[in-house]
């Protein structure tokens, strides 16, 4: 099972991303990404990451799709890797469409899942 821990629940993913995840991992489960205030200290981030690591280990995912606030993500990836749980990020092409009225529409086209490098 792929555990999706991001700001985008898997039912919001595009068809290609969902199909790729299911082909690689069988099924997807969502764990909503925590709200992290900019005022949180490094110690608070560490405690939150430890809490999430324990929750994730109990779920026994094959991999964790982890994208969100950078310090939390970095800390949690390191903790999960110590538990031998693979962590992946989704990659995409960013396509910008300039409208005649000056507004821009940004589209993200899924390309692949990429594993976080091991520390």
PDB file of N, CA and C in Angstrom:
ATOM      1  N   UNK A   1       0.849  -1.184   0.000  1.00  0.00           N
ATOM      2  CA  UNK A   1       0.000   0.000   0.000  1.00  0.00           C
ATOM      3  C   UNK A   1       0.885   1.234   0.000  1.00  0.00           C
ATOM      4  N   UNK A   2       0.460   2.238  -0.767  1.00  0.00           N
ATOM      5  CA  UNK A   2       1.112   3.543  -0.760  1.00  0.00           C
ATOM      6  C   UNK A   2       0.331   4.441   0.191  1.00  0.00           C
ATOM      7  N   UNK A   3       1.017   5.001   1.167  1.00  0.00           N
ATOM      8  CA  UNK A   3       0.398   5.961   2.080  1.00  0.00           C
ATOM      9  C   UNK A   3       0.681   7.355   1.552  1.00  0.00           C
ATOM     10  N   UNK A   4      -0.364   8.089   1.260  1.00  0.00           N
ATOM     11  CA  UNK A   4      -0.240   9.451   0.762  1.00  0.00           C
ATOM     12  C   UNK A   4      -0.336  10.425   1.933  1.00  0.00           C
ATOM     13  N   UNK A   5       0.781  11.085   2.249  1.00  0.00           N
ATOM     14  CA  UNK A   5       0.835  12.106   3.290  1.00  0.00           C
ATOM     15  C   UNK A   5       1.226  13.409   2.601  1.00  0.00           C
ATOM     16  N   UNK A   6       0.214  14.115   2.140  1.00  0.00           N
ATOM     17  CA  UNK A   6       0.435  15.370   1.417  1.00  0.00           C
ATOM     18  C   UNK A   6      -0.788  16.258   1.613  1.00  0.00           C
ATOM     19  N   UNK A   7      -0.730  17.445   1.049  1.00  0.00           N
ATOM     20  CA  UNK A   7      -1.856  18.370   1.131  1.00  0.00           C
ATOM     21  C   UNK A   7      -2.940  18.073   0.105  1.00  0.00           C
ATOM     22  N   UNK A   8      -2.737  17.036  -0.701  1.00  0.00           N
ATOM     23  CA  UNK A   8      -3.693  16.676  -1.746  1.00  0.00           C
ATOM     24  C   UNK A   8      -4.095  15.219  -1.566  1.00  0.00           C
ATOM     25  N   UNK A   9      -5.331  14.993  -1.151  1.00  0.00           N
ATOM     26  CA  UNK A   9      -5.819  13.631  -1.010  1.00  0.00           C
ATOM     27  C   UNK A   9      -5.769  12.933  -2.358  1.00  0.00           C
ATOM     28  N   UNK A  10      -5.588  11.638  -2.347  1.00  0.00           N
ATOM     29  CA  UNK A  10      -5.383  10.908  -3.594  1.00  0.00           C
ATOM     30  C   UNK A  10      -6.583  10.981  -4.540  1.00  0.00           C
ATOM     31  N   UNK A  11      -7.782  11.224  -4.020  1.00  0.00           N
ATOM     32  CA  UNK A  11      -8.928  11.356  -4.929  1.00  0.00           C
ATOM     33  C   UNK A  11      -8.891  12.672  -5.708  1.00  0.00           C
ATOM     34  N   UNK A  12      -7.953  13.557  -5.359  1.00  0.00           N
ATOM     35  CA  UNK A  12      -7.749  14.810  -6.100  1.00  0.00           C
ATOM     36  C   UNK A  12      -6.648  14.673  -7.146  1.00  0.00           C
ATOM     37  N   UNK A  13      -5.936  13.550  -7.134  1.00  0.00           N
ATOM     38  CA  UNK A  13      -4.864  13.338  -8.100  1.00  0.00           C
ATOM     39  C   UNK A  13      -5.452  13.125  -9.490  1.00  0.00           C
ATOM     40  N   UNK A  14      -4.629  13.396 -10.489  1.00  0.00           N
ATOM     41  CA  UNK A  14      -5.025  13.105 -11.859  1.00  0.00           C
ATOM     42  C   UNK A  14      -5.006  11.605 -12.116  1.00  0.00           C
ATOM     43  N   UNK A  15      -5.611  11.235 -13.217  1.00  0.00           N
ATOM     44  CA  UNK A  15      -5.740   9.826 -13.587  1.00  0.00           C
ATOM     45  C   UNK A  15      -4.378   9.133 -13.687  1.00  0.00           C
ATOM     46  N   UNK A  16      -3.404   9.787 -14.321  1.00  0.00           N
ATOM     47  CA  UNK A  16      -2.087   9.169 -14.517  1.00  0.00           C
ATOM     48  C   UNK A  16      -1.398   8.888 -13.184  1.00  0.00           C
ATOM     49  N   UNK A  17      -1.499   9.813 -12.252  1.00  0.00           N
ATOM     50  CA  UNK A  17      -0.844   9.633 -10.959  1.00  0.00           C
ATOM     51  C   UNK A  17      -1.500   8.489 -10.172  1.00  0.00           C
ATOM     52  N   UNK A  18      -2.825   8.465 -10.175  1.00  0.00           N
ATOM     53  CA  UNK A  18      -3.539   7.388  -9.463  1.00  0.00           C
ATOM     54  C   UNK A  18      -3.211   6.028 -10.084  1.00  0.00           C
ATOM     55  N   UNK A  19      -3.243   5.942 -11.400  1.00  0.00           N
ATOM     56  CA  UNK A  19      -2.958   4.673 -12.084  1.00  0.00           C
ATOM     57  C   UNK A  19      -1.538   4.201 -11.789  1.00  0.00           C
ATOM     58  N   UNK A  20      -0.594   5.125 -11.809  1.00  0.00           N
ATOM     59  CA  UNK A  20       0.796   4.785 -11.534  1.00  0.00           C
ATOM     60  C   UNK A  20       0.944   4.260 -10.110  1.00  0.00           C
ATOM     61  N   UNK A  21       0.321   4.940  -9.157  1.00  0.00           N
ATOM     62  CA  UNK A  21       0.401   4.526  -7.754  1.00  0.00           C
ATOM     63  C   UNK A  21      -0.202   3.140  -7.551  1.00  0.00           C
ATOM     64  N   UNK A  22      -1.351   2.893  -8.137  1.00  0.00           N
ATOM     65  CA  UNK A  22      -2.017   1.597  -7.986  1.00  0.00           C
ATOM     66  C   UNK A  22      -1.209   0.491  -8.661  1.00  0.00           C
ATOM     67  N   UNK A  23      -0.636   0.793  -9.827  1.00  0.00           N
ATOM     68  CA  UNK A  23       0.182  -0.201 -10.526  1.00  0.00           C
ATOM     69  C   UNK A  23       1.410  -0.585  -9.697  1.00  0.00           C
ATOM     70  N   UNK A  24       2.006   0.390  -9.028  1.00  0.00           N
ATOM     71  CA  UNK A  24       3.225   0.125  -8.256  1.00  0.00           C
ATOM     72  C   UNK A  24       2.956  -0.431  -6.864  1.00  0.00           C
ATOM     73  N   UNK A  25       1.866   0.017  -6.226  1.00  0.00           N
ATOM     74  CA  UNK A  25       1.678  -0.280  -4.805  1.00  0.00           C
ATOM     75  C   UNK A  25       0.364  -1.004  -4.473  1.00  0.00           C
ATOM     76  N   UNK A  26      -0.474  -1.238  -5.441  1.00  0.00           N
ATOM     77  CA  UNK A  26      -1.711  -1.979  -5.208  1.00  0.00           C
ATOM     78  C   UNK A  26      -2.876  -1.107  -4.783  1.00  0.00           C
ATOM     79  N   UNK A  27      -2.687  -0.321  -3.746  1.00  0.00           N
ATOM     80  CA  UNK A  27      -3.750   0.593  -3.309  1.00  0.00           C
ATOM     81  C   UNK A  27      -3.126   1.815  -2.657  1.00  0.00           C
ATOM     82  N   UNK A  28      -3.969   2.824  -2.447  1.00  0.00           N
ATOM     83  CA  UNK A  28      -3.538   4.093  -1.853  1.00  0.00           C
ATOM     84  C   UNK A  28      -4.398   4.359  -0.628  1.00  0.00           C
ATOM     85  N   UNK A  29      -3.760   4.768   0.442  1.00  0.00           N
ATOM     86  CA  UNK A  29      -4.476   5.258   1.618  1.00  0.00           C
ATOM     87  C   UNK A  29      -3.975   6.664   1.905  1.00  0.00           C
ATOM     88  N   UNK A  30      -4.870   7.519   2.389  1.00  0.00           N
ATOM     89  CA  UNK A  30      -4.519   8.904   2.684  1.00  0.00           C
ATOM     90  C   UNK A  30      -4.361   9.129   4.182  1.00  0.00           C
ATOM     91  N   UNK A  31      -3.371   9.918   4.524  1.00  0.00           N
ATOM     92  CA  UNK A  31      -3.194  10.449   5.870  1.00  0.00           C
ATOM     93  C   UNK A  31      -3.002  11.945   5.675  1.00  0.00           C
ATOM     94  N   UNK A  32      -3.979  12.763   6.082  1.00  0.00           N
ATOM     95  CA  UNK A  32      -3.869  14.198   5.824  1.00  0.00           C
ATOM     96  C   UNK A  32      -2.599  14.811   6.421  1.00  0.00           C
ATOM     97  N   UNK A  33      -2.016  15.714   5.678  1.00  0.00           N
ATOM     98  CA  UNK A  33      -0.804  16.406   6.114  1.00  0.00           C
ATOM     99  C   UNK A  33      -1.158  17.344   7.265  1.00  0.00           C
ATOM    100  N   UNK A  34      -0.328  17.387   8.297  1.00  0.00           N
ATOM    101  CA  UNK A  34      -0.657  18.256   9.437  1.00  0.00           C
ATOM    102  C   UNK A  34      -0.526  19.735   9.079  1.00  0.00           C
ATOM    103  N   UNK A  35      -1.289  20.548   9.780  1.00  0.00           N
ATOM    104  CA  UNK A  35      -1.142  21.997   9.655  1.00  0.00           C
ATOM    105  C   UNK A  35       0.060  22.401  10.499  1.00  0.00           C
ATOM    106  N   UNK A  36       0.996  23.075   9.879  1.00  0.00           N
ATOM    107  CA  UNK A  36       2.223  23.468  10.569  1.00  0.00           C
ATOM    108  C   UNK A  36       2.344  24.983  10.494  1.00  0.00           C
ATOM    109  N   UNK A  37       2.314  25.612  11.651  1.00  0.00           N
ATOM    110  CA  UNK A  37       2.404  27.074  11.720  1.00  0.00           C
ATOM    111  C   UNK A  37       3.839  27.531  11.489  1.00  0.00           C
ATOM    112  N   UNK A  38       4.008  28.657  10.831  1.00  0.00           N
ATOM    113  CA  UNK A  38       5.367  29.166  10.608  1.00  0.00           C
ATOM    114  C   UNK A  38       6.092  29.472  11.922  1.00  0.00           C
ATOM    115  N   UNK A  39       5.351  29.653  12.996  1.00  0.00           N
ATOM    116  CA  UNK A  39       5.952  29.966  14.292  1.00  0.00           C
ATOM    117  C   UNK A  39       6.443  28.723  15.034  1.00  0.00           C
ATOM    118  N   UNK A  40       6.103  27.519  14.553  1.00  0.00           N
ATOM    119  CA  UNK A  40       6.540  26.299  15.240  1.00  0.00           C
ATOM    120  C   UNK A  40       8.061  26.254  15.322  1.00  0.00           C
ATOM    121  N   UNK A  41       8.544  25.807  16.469  1.00  0.00           N
ATOM    122  CA  UNK A  41       9.988  25.675  16.666  1.00  0.00           C
ATOM    123  C   UNK A  41      10.481  24.368  16.042  1.00  0.00           C
ATOM    124  N   UNK A  42      11.776  24.252  15.901  1.00  0.00           N
ATOM    125  CA  UNK A  42      12.372  23.017  15.396  1.00  0.00           C
ATOM    126  C   UNK A  42      12.045  21.848  16.314  1.00  0.00           C
ATOM    127  N   UNK A  43      11.994  22.111  17.611  1.00  0.00           N
ATOM    128  CA  UNK A  43      11.666  21.058  18.572  1.00  0.00           C
ATOM    129  C   UNK A  43      10.231  20.576  18.380  1.00  0.00           C
ATOM    130  N   UNK A  44       9.307  21.496  18.113  1.00  0.00           N
ATOM    131  CA  UNK A  44       7.913  21.113  17.868  1.00  0.00           C
ATOM    132  C   UNK A  44       7.789  20.294  16.593  1.00  0.00           C
ATOM    133  N   UNK A  45       8.544  20.669  15.575  1.00  0.00           N
ATOM    134  CA  UNK A  45       8.546  19.916  14.314  1.00  0.00           C
ATOM    135  C   UNK A  45       9.078  18.508  14.557  1.00  0.00           C
ATOM    136  N   UNK A  46      10.140  18.396  15.325  1.00  0.00           N
ATOM    137  CA  UNK A  46      10.729  17.086  15.636  1.00  0.00           C
ATOM    138  C   UNK A  46       9.715  16.194  16.359  1.00  0.00           C
ATOM    139  N   UNK A  47       9.029  16.739  17.357  1.00  0.00           N
ATOM    140  CA  UNK A  47       8.030  15.962  18.104  1.00  0.00           C
ATOM    141  C   UNK A  47       6.886  15.519  17.197  1.00  0.00           C
ATOM    142  N   UNK A  48       6.434  16.417  16.330  1.00  0.00           N
ATOM    143  CA  UNK A  48       5.351  16.074  15.406  1.00  0.00           C
ATOM    144  C   UNK A  48       5.795  14.976  14.447  1.00  0.00           C
ATOM    145  N   UNK A  49       7.020  15.080  13.944  1.00  0.00           N
ATOM    146  CA  UNK A  49       7.537  14.063  13.019  1.00  0.00           C
ATOM    147  C   UNK A  49       7.661  12.707  13.712  1.00  0.00           C
ATOM    148  N   UNK A  50       8.084  12.688  14.950  1.00  0.00           N
ATOM    149  CA  UNK A  50       8.181  11.429  15.692  1.00  0.00           C
ATOM    150  C   UNK A  50       6.793  10.814  15.855  1.00  0.00           C
ATOM    151  N   UNK A  51       5.808  11.641  16.182  1.00  0.00           N
ATOM    152  CA  UNK A  51       4.433  11.170  16.324  1.00  0.00           C
ATOM    153  C   UNK A  51       3.932  10.561  15.017  1.00  0.00           C
ATOM    154  N   UNK A  52       4.153  11.248  13.908  1.00  0.00           N
ATOM    155  CA  UNK A  52       3.704  10.743  12.602  1.00  0.00           C
ATOM    156  C   UNK A  52       4.471   9.482  12.208  1.00  0.00           C
ATOM    157  N   UNK A  53       5.737   9.422  12.518  1.00  0.00           N
ATOM    158  CA  UNK A  53       6.519   8.230  12.207  1.00  0.00           C
ATOM    159  C   UNK A  53       5.927   7.022  12.917  1.00  0.00           C
ATOM    160  N   UNK A  54       5.584   7.162  14.175  1.00  0.00           N
ATOM    161  CA  UNK A  54       4.986   6.060  14.926  1.00  0.00           C
ATOM    162  C   UNK A  54       3.659   5.626  14.306  1.00  0.00           C
ATOM    163  N   UNK A  55       2.842   6.607  13.916  1.00  0.00           N
ATOM    164  CA  UNK A  55       1.559   6.298  13.281  1.00  0.00           C
ATOM    165  C   UNK A  55       1.760   5.552  11.966  1.00  0.00           C
ATOM    166  N   UNK A  56       2.737   6.002  11.191  1.00  0.00           N
ATOM    167  CA  UNK A  56       2.992   5.407   9.876  1.00  0.00           C
ATOM    168  C   UNK A  56       3.552   3.999  10.013  1.00  0.00           C
ATOM    169  N   UNK A  57       4.483   3.797  10.917  1.00  0.00           N
ATOM    170  CA  UNK A  57       5.043   2.461  11.136  1.00  0.00           C
ATOM    171  C   UNK A  57       3.929   1.468  11.469  1.00  0.00           C
ATOM    172  N   UNK A  58       2.973   1.898  12.278  1.00  0.00           N
ATOM    173  CA  UNK A  58       1.855   1.027  12.658  1.00  0.00           C
ATOM    174  C   UNK A  58       0.999   0.644  11.450  1.00  0.00           C
ATOM    175  N   UNK A  59       0.940   1.492  10.431  1.00  0.00           N
ATOM    176  CA  UNK A  59       0.141   1.211   9.229  1.00  0.00           C
ATOM    177  C   UNK A  59       0.853   0.268   8.253  1.00  0.00           C
ATOM    178  N   UNK A  60       2.151   0.112   8.402  1.00  0.00           N
ATOM    179  CA  UNK A  60       2.978  -0.776   7.583  1.00  0.00           C
ATOM    180  C   UNK A  60       2.845  -0.542   6.073  1.00  0.00           C
ATOM    181  N   UNK A  61       3.024   0.695   5.612  1.00  0.00           N
ATOM    182  CA  UNK A  61       2.945   0.927   4.169  1.00  0.00           C
ATOM    183  C   UNK A  61       4.186   0.396   3.453  1.00  0.00           C
ATOM    184  N   UNK A  62       4.008   0.115   2.186  1.00  0.00           N
ATOM    185  CA  UNK A  62       5.154  -0.251   1.346  1.00  0.00           C
ATOM    186  C   UNK A  62       6.006   0.989   1.080  1.00  0.00           C
ATOM    187  N   UNK A  63       5.334   2.141   0.943  1.00  0.00           N
ATOM    188  CA  UNK A  63       6.022   3.408   0.706  1.00  0.00           C
ATOM    189  C   UNK A  63       5.119   4.540   1.175  1.00  0.00           C
ATOM    190  N   UNK A  64       5.739   5.707   1.389  1.00  0.00           N
ATOM    191  CA  UNK A  64       4.994   6.905   1.792  1.00  0.00           C
ATOM    192  C   UNK A  64       5.249   8.004   0.767  1.00  0.00           C
ATOM    193  N   UNK A  65       4.168   8.503   0.177  1.00  0.00           N
ATOM    194  CA  UNK A  65       4.240   9.675  -0.704  1.00  0.00           C
ATOM    195  C   UNK A  65       4.182  10.874   0.230  1.00  0.00           C
ATOM    196  N   UNK A  66       5.297  11.575   0.344  1.00  0.00           N
ATOM    197  CA  UNK A  66       5.434  12.608   1.367  1.00  0.00           C
ATOM    198  C   UNK A  66       5.844  13.925   0.734  1.00  0.00           C
ATOM    199  N   UNK A  67       4.902  14.888   0.780  1.00  0.00           N
ATOM    200  CA  UNK A  67       5.161  16.214   0.222  1.00  0.00           C
ATOM    201  C   UNK A  67       4.415  17.236   1.062  1.00  0.00           C
ATOM    202  N   UNK A  68       5.126  18.299   1.416  1.00  0.00           N
ATOM    203  CA  UNK A  68       4.510  19.358   2.206  1.00  0.00           C
ATOM    204  C   UNK A  68       5.580  20.247   2.811  1.00  0.00           C
ATOM    205  N   UNK A  69       5.253  20.865   3.931  1.00  0.00           N
ATOM    206  CA  UNK A  69       6.171  21.788   4.602  1.00  0.00           C
ATOM    207  C   UNK A  69       7.546  21.143   4.729  1.00  0.00           C
ATOM    208  N   UNK A  70       8.568  21.873   4.297  1.00  0.00           N
ATOM    209  CA  UNK A  70       9.876  21.272   4.068  1.00  0.00           C
ATOM    210  C   UNK A  70      10.593  20.745   5.316  1.00  0.00           C
ATOM    211  N   UNK A  71      10.575  21.464   6.430  1.00  0.00           N
ATOM    212  CA  UNK A  71      11.329  20.986   7.591  1.00  0.00           C
ATOM    213  C   UNK A  71      10.686  19.736   8.185  1.00  0.00           C
ATOM    214  N   UNK A  72       9.355  19.697   8.201  1.00  0.00           N
ATOM    215  CA  UNK A  72       8.655  18.504   8.676  1.00  0.00           C
ATOM    216  C   UNK A  72       8.922  17.333   7.736  1.00  0.00           C
ATOM    217  N   UNK A  73       8.797  17.577   6.436  1.00  0.00           N
ATOM    218  CA  UNK A  73       9.015  16.525   5.445  1.00  0.00           C
ATOM    219  C   UNK A  73      10.429  15.961   5.566  1.00  0.00           C
ATOM    220  N   UNK A  74      11.414  16.827   5.649  1.00  0.00           N
ATOM    221  CA  UNK A  74      12.808  16.400   5.758  1.00  0.00           C
ATOM    222  C   UNK A  74      13.014  15.542   7.006  1.00  0.00           C
ATOM    223  N   UNK A  75      12.488  16.007   8.129  1.00  0.00           N
ATOM    224  CA  UNK A  75      12.639  15.283   9.394  1.00  0.00           C
ATOM    225  C   UNK A  75      11.949  13.930   9.327  1.00  0.00           C
ATOM    226  N   UNK A  76      10.720  13.894   8.812  1.00  0.00           N
ATOM    227  CA  UNK A  76       9.972  12.653   8.748  1.00  0.00           C
ATOM    228  C   UNK A  76      10.592  11.666   7.765  1.00  0.00           C
ATOM    229  N   UNK A  77      11.075  12.130   6.630  1.00  0.00           N
ATOM    230  CA  UNK A  77      11.737  11.236   5.676  1.00  0.00           C
ATOM    231  C   UNK A  77      12.916  10.545   6.359  1.00  0.00           C
ATOM    232  N   UNK A  78      13.720  11.293   7.080  1.00  0.00           N
ATOM    233  CA  UNK A  78      14.886  10.693   7.758  1.00  0.00           C
ATOM    234  C   UNK A  78      14.455   9.655   8.786  1.00  0.00           C
ATOM    235  N   UNK A  79      13.392   9.958   9.550  1.00  0.00           N
ATOM    236  CA  UNK A  79      12.906   9.006  10.553  1.00  0.00           C
ATOM    237  C   UNK A  79      12.361   7.741   9.900  1.00  0.00           C
ATOM    238  N   UNK A  80      11.588   7.905   8.830  1.00  0.00           N
ATOM    239  CA  UNK A  80      11.006   6.748   8.149  1.00  0.00           C
ATOM    240  C   UNK A  80      12.077   5.892   7.484  1.00  0.00           C
ATOM    241  N   UNK A  81      13.080   6.531   6.918  1.00  0.00           N
ATOM    242  CA  UNK A  81      14.162   5.771   6.292  1.00  0.00           C
ATOM    243  C   UNK A  81      14.904   4.923   7.329  1.00  0.00           C
ATOM    244  N   UNK A  82      15.028   5.432   8.544  1.00  0.00           N
ATOM    245  CA  UNK A  82      15.655   4.637   9.614  1.00  0.00           C
ATOM    246  C   UNK A  82      14.817   3.399   9.934  1.00  0.00           C
ATOM    247  N   UNK A  83      13.512   3.482   9.668  1.00  0.00           N
ATOM    248  CA  UNK A  83      12.612   2.349   9.876  1.00  0.00           C
ATOM    249  C   UNK A  83      12.497   1.484   8.617  1.00  0.00           C
ATOM    250  N   UNK A  84      13.306   1.818   7.601  1.00  0.00           N
ATOM    251  CA  UNK A  84      13.334   1.102   6.321  1.00  0.00           C
ATOM    252  C   UNK A  84      12.021   1.210   5.552  1.00  0.00           C
ATOM    253  N   UNK A  85      11.402   2.367   5.658  1.00  0.00           N
ATOM    254  CA  UNK A  85      10.190   2.654   4.899  1.00  0.00           C
ATOM    255  C   UNK A  85      10.563   3.608   3.773  1.00  0.00           C
ATOM    256  N   UNK A  86      10.272   3.206   2.556  1.00  0.00           N
ATOM    257  CA  UNK A  86      10.588   4.012   1.382  1.00  0.00           C
ATOM    258  C   UNK A  86       9.717   5.271   1.352  1.00  0.00           C
ATOM    259  N   UNK A  87      10.332   6.402   1.027  1.00  0.00           N
ATOM    260  CA  UNK A  87       9.614   7.670   0.902  1.00  0.00           C
ATOM    261  C   UNK A  87       9.785   8.178  -0.526  1.00  0.00           C
ATOM    262  N   UNK A  88       8.662   8.604  -1.103  1.00  0.00           N
ATOM    263  CA  UNK A  88       8.690   9.072  -2.487  1.00  0.00           C
ATOM    264  C   UNK A  88       8.025  10.439  -2.603  1.00  0.00           C
ATOM    265  N   UNK A  89       8.397  11.136  -3.659  1.00  0.00           N
ATOM    266  CA  UNK A  89       7.771  12.408  -4.021  1.00  0.00           C
ATOM    267  C   UNK A  89       7.221  12.262  -5.433  1.00  0.00           C
ATOM    268  N   UNK A  90       6.205  13.047  -5.751  1.00  0.00           N
ATOM    269  CA  UNK A  90       5.695  13.041  -7.117  1.00  0.00           C
ATOM    270  C   UNK A  90       6.376  14.166  -7.890  1.00  0.00           C
ATOM    271  N   UNK A  91       6.688  13.887  -9.138  1.00  0.00           N
ATOM    272  CA  UNK A  91       7.289  14.899  -9.997  1.00  0.00           C
ATOM    273  C   UNK A  91       6.295  15.260 -11.100  1.00  0.00           C
ATOM    274  N   UNK A  92       6.388  16.478 -11.580  1.00  0.00           N
ATOM    275  CA  UNK A  92       5.439  16.928 -12.594  1.00  0.00           C
ATOM    276  C   UNK A  92       6.066  17.986 -13.492  1.00  0.00           C
ATOM    277  N   UNK A  93       5.455  18.135 -14.642  1.00  0.00           N
ATOM    278  CA  UNK A  93       5.782  19.237 -15.541  1.00  0.00           C
ATOM    279  C   UNK A  93       4.887  20.412 -15.148  1.00  0.00           C
ATOM    280  N   UNK A  94       5.483  21.567 -14.978  1.00  0.00           N
ATOM    281  CA  UNK A  94       4.718  22.782 -14.659  1.00  0.00           C
ATOM    282  C   UNK A  94       4.446  23.498 -15.974  1.00  0.00           C
ATOM    283  N   UNK A  95       3.167  23.642 -16.293  1.00  0.00           N
ATOM    284  CA  UNK A  95       2.781  24.293 -17.556  1.00  0.00           C
ATOM    285  C   UNK A  95       1.977  25.540 -17.230  1.00  0.00           C
ATOM    286  N   UNK A  96       2.455  26.669 -17.736  1.00  0.00           N
ATOM    287  CA  UNK A  96       1.806  27.951 -17.487  1.00  0.00           C
ATOM    288  C   UNK A  96       1.094  28.403 -18.753  1.00  0.00           C
ATOM    289  N   UNK A  97      -0.186  28.746 -18.600  1.00  0.00           N
ATOM    290  CA  UNK A  97      -0.979  29.258 -19.710  1.00  0.00           C
ATOM    291  C   UNK A  97      -1.277  30.725 -19.417  1.00  0.00           C
ATOM    292  N   UNK A  98      -0.785  31.611 -20.283  1.00  0.00           N
ATOM    293  CA  UNK A  98      -1.045  33.040 -20.120  1.00  0.00           C
ATOM    294  C   UNK A  98      -2.381  33.379 -20.783  1.00  0.00           C
ATOM    295  N   UNK A  99      -3.276  33.960 -20.011  1.00  0.00           N
ATOM    296  CA  UNK A  99      -4.591  34.350 -20.517  1.00  0.00           C
ATOM    297  C   UNK A  99      -4.499  35.744 -21.144  1.00  0.00           C
ATOM    298  N   UNK A 100      -5.447  36.064 -22.003  1.00  0.00           N
ATOM    299  CA  UNK A 100      -5.458  37.374 -22.653  1.00  0.00           C
ATOM    300  C   UNK A 100      -5.627  38.510 -21.655  1.00  0.00           C
ATOM    301  N   UNK A 101      -6.304  38.254 -20.533  1.00  0.00           N
ATOM    302  CA  UNK A 101      -6.537  39.297 -19.537  1.00  0.00           C
ATOM    303  C   UNK A 101      -5.341  39.480 -18.595  1.00  0.00           C
ATOM    304  N   UNK A 102      -4.234  38.783 -18.856  1.00  0.00           N
ATOM    305  CA  UNK A 102      -3.039  38.924 -18.043  1.00  0.00           C
ATOM    306  C   UNK A 102      -2.917  37.895 -16.918  1.00  0.00           C
ATOM    307  N   UNK A 103      -3.984  37.169 -16.640  1.00  0.00           N
ATOM    308  CA  UNK A 103      -3.911  36.139 -15.606  1.00  0.00           C
ATOM    309  C   UNK A 103      -3.177  34.917 -16.139  1.00  0.00           C
ATOM    310  N   UNK A 104      -2.618  34.146 -15.220  1.00  0.00           N
ATOM    311  CA  UNK A 104      -1.922  32.918 -15.590  1.00  0.00           C
ATOM    312  C   UNK A 104      -2.613  31.737 -14.930  1.00  0.00           C
ATOM    313  N   UNK A 105      -2.683  30.666 -15.679  1.00  0.00           N
ATOM    314  CA  UNK A 105      -3.183  29.404 -15.147  1.00  0.00           C
ATOM    315  C   UNK A 105      -2.007  28.443 -15.128  1.00  0.00           C
ATOM    316  N   UNK A 106      -1.760  27.837 -13.963  1.00  0.00           N
ATOM    317  CA  UNK A 106      -0.657  26.909 -13.834  1.00  0.00           C
ATOM    318  C   UNK A 106      -1.217  25.491 -13.728  1.00  0.00           C
ATOM    319  N   UNK A 107      -0.738  24.624 -14.600  1.00  0.00           N
ATOM    320  CA  UNK A 107      -1.149  23.224 -14.621  1.00  0.00           C
ATOM    321  C   UNK A 107       0.059  22.352 -14.294  1.00  0.00           C
ATOM    322  N   UNK A 108      -0.159  21.345 -13.474  1.00  0.00           N
ATOM    323  CA  UNK A 108       0.901  20.410 -13.146  1.00  0.00           C
ATOM    324  C   UNK A 108       0.537  19.055 -13.739  1.00  0.00           C
ATOM    325  N   UNK A 109       1.407  18.551 -14.602  1.00  0.00           N
ATOM    326  CA  UNK A 109       1.174  17.292 -15.286  1.00  0.00           C
ATOM    327  C   UNK A 109       2.103  16.232 -14.695  1.00  0.00           C
ATOM    328  N   UNK A 110       1.527  15.253 -13.997  1.00  0.00           N
ATOM    329  CA  UNK A 110       2.300  14.210 -13.324  1.00  0.00           C
ATOM    330  C   UNK A 110       3.229  13.492 -14.285  1.00  0.00           C
ATOM    331  N   UNK A 111       4.454  13.235 -13.819  1.00  0.00           N
ATOM    332  CA  UNK A 111       5.437  12.489 -14.606  1.00  0.00           C
ATOM    333  C   UNK A 111       5.777  11.148 -13.967  1.00  0.00           C
ATOM    334  N   UNK A 112       6.196  11.177 -12.704  1.00  0.00           N
ATOM    335  CA  UNK A 112       6.625   9.942 -12.052  1.00  0.00           C
ATOM    336  C   UNK A 112       6.727  10.145 -10.543  1.00  0.00           C
ATOM    337  N   UNK A 113       6.877   9.028  -9.830  1.00  0.00           N
ATOM    338  CA  UNK A 113       7.236   9.072  -8.421  1.00  0.00           C
ATOM    339  C   UNK A 113       8.759   8.914  -8.354  1.00  0.00           C
ATOM    340  N   UNK A 114       9.392   9.676  -7.458  1.00  0.00           N
ATOM    341  CA  UNK A 114      10.843   9.606  -7.290  1.00  0.00           C
ATOM    342  C   UNK A 114      11.155   9.364  -5.818  1.00  0.00           C
ATOM    343  N   UNK A 115      12.006   8.396  -5.556  1.00  0.00           N
ATOM    344  CA  UNK A 115      12.368   8.081  -4.173  1.00  0.00           C
ATOM    345  C   UNK A 115      13.302   9.159  -3.621  1.00  0.00           C
ATOM    346  N   UNK A 116      13.079   9.508  -2.347  1.00  0.00           N
ATOM    347  CA  UNK A 116      13.994  10.424  -1.674  1.00  0.00           C
ATOM    348  C   UNK A 116      15.347   9.722  -1.514  1.00  0.00           C
ATOM    349  N   UNK A 117      16.443  10.449  -1.739  1.00  0.00           N
ATOM    350  CA  UNK A 117      17.767   9.830  -1.540  1.00  0.00           C
ATOM    351  C   UNK A 117      17.957   9.415  -0.094  1.00  0.00           C
ATOM    352  N   UNK A 118      18.673   8.342   0.076  1.00  0.00           N
ATOM    353  CA  UNK A 118      18.993   7.861   1.428  1.00  0.00           C
ATOM    354  C   UNK A 118      20.062   8.770   2.032  1.00  0.00           C
ATOM    355  N   UNK A 119      19.928   9.003   3.324  1.00  0.00           N
ATOM    356  CA  UNK A 119      20.905   9.858   4.028  1.00  0.00           C
ATOM    357  C   UNK A 119      22.220   9.143   4.220  1.00  0.00           C
TER     358      UNK A 119
END
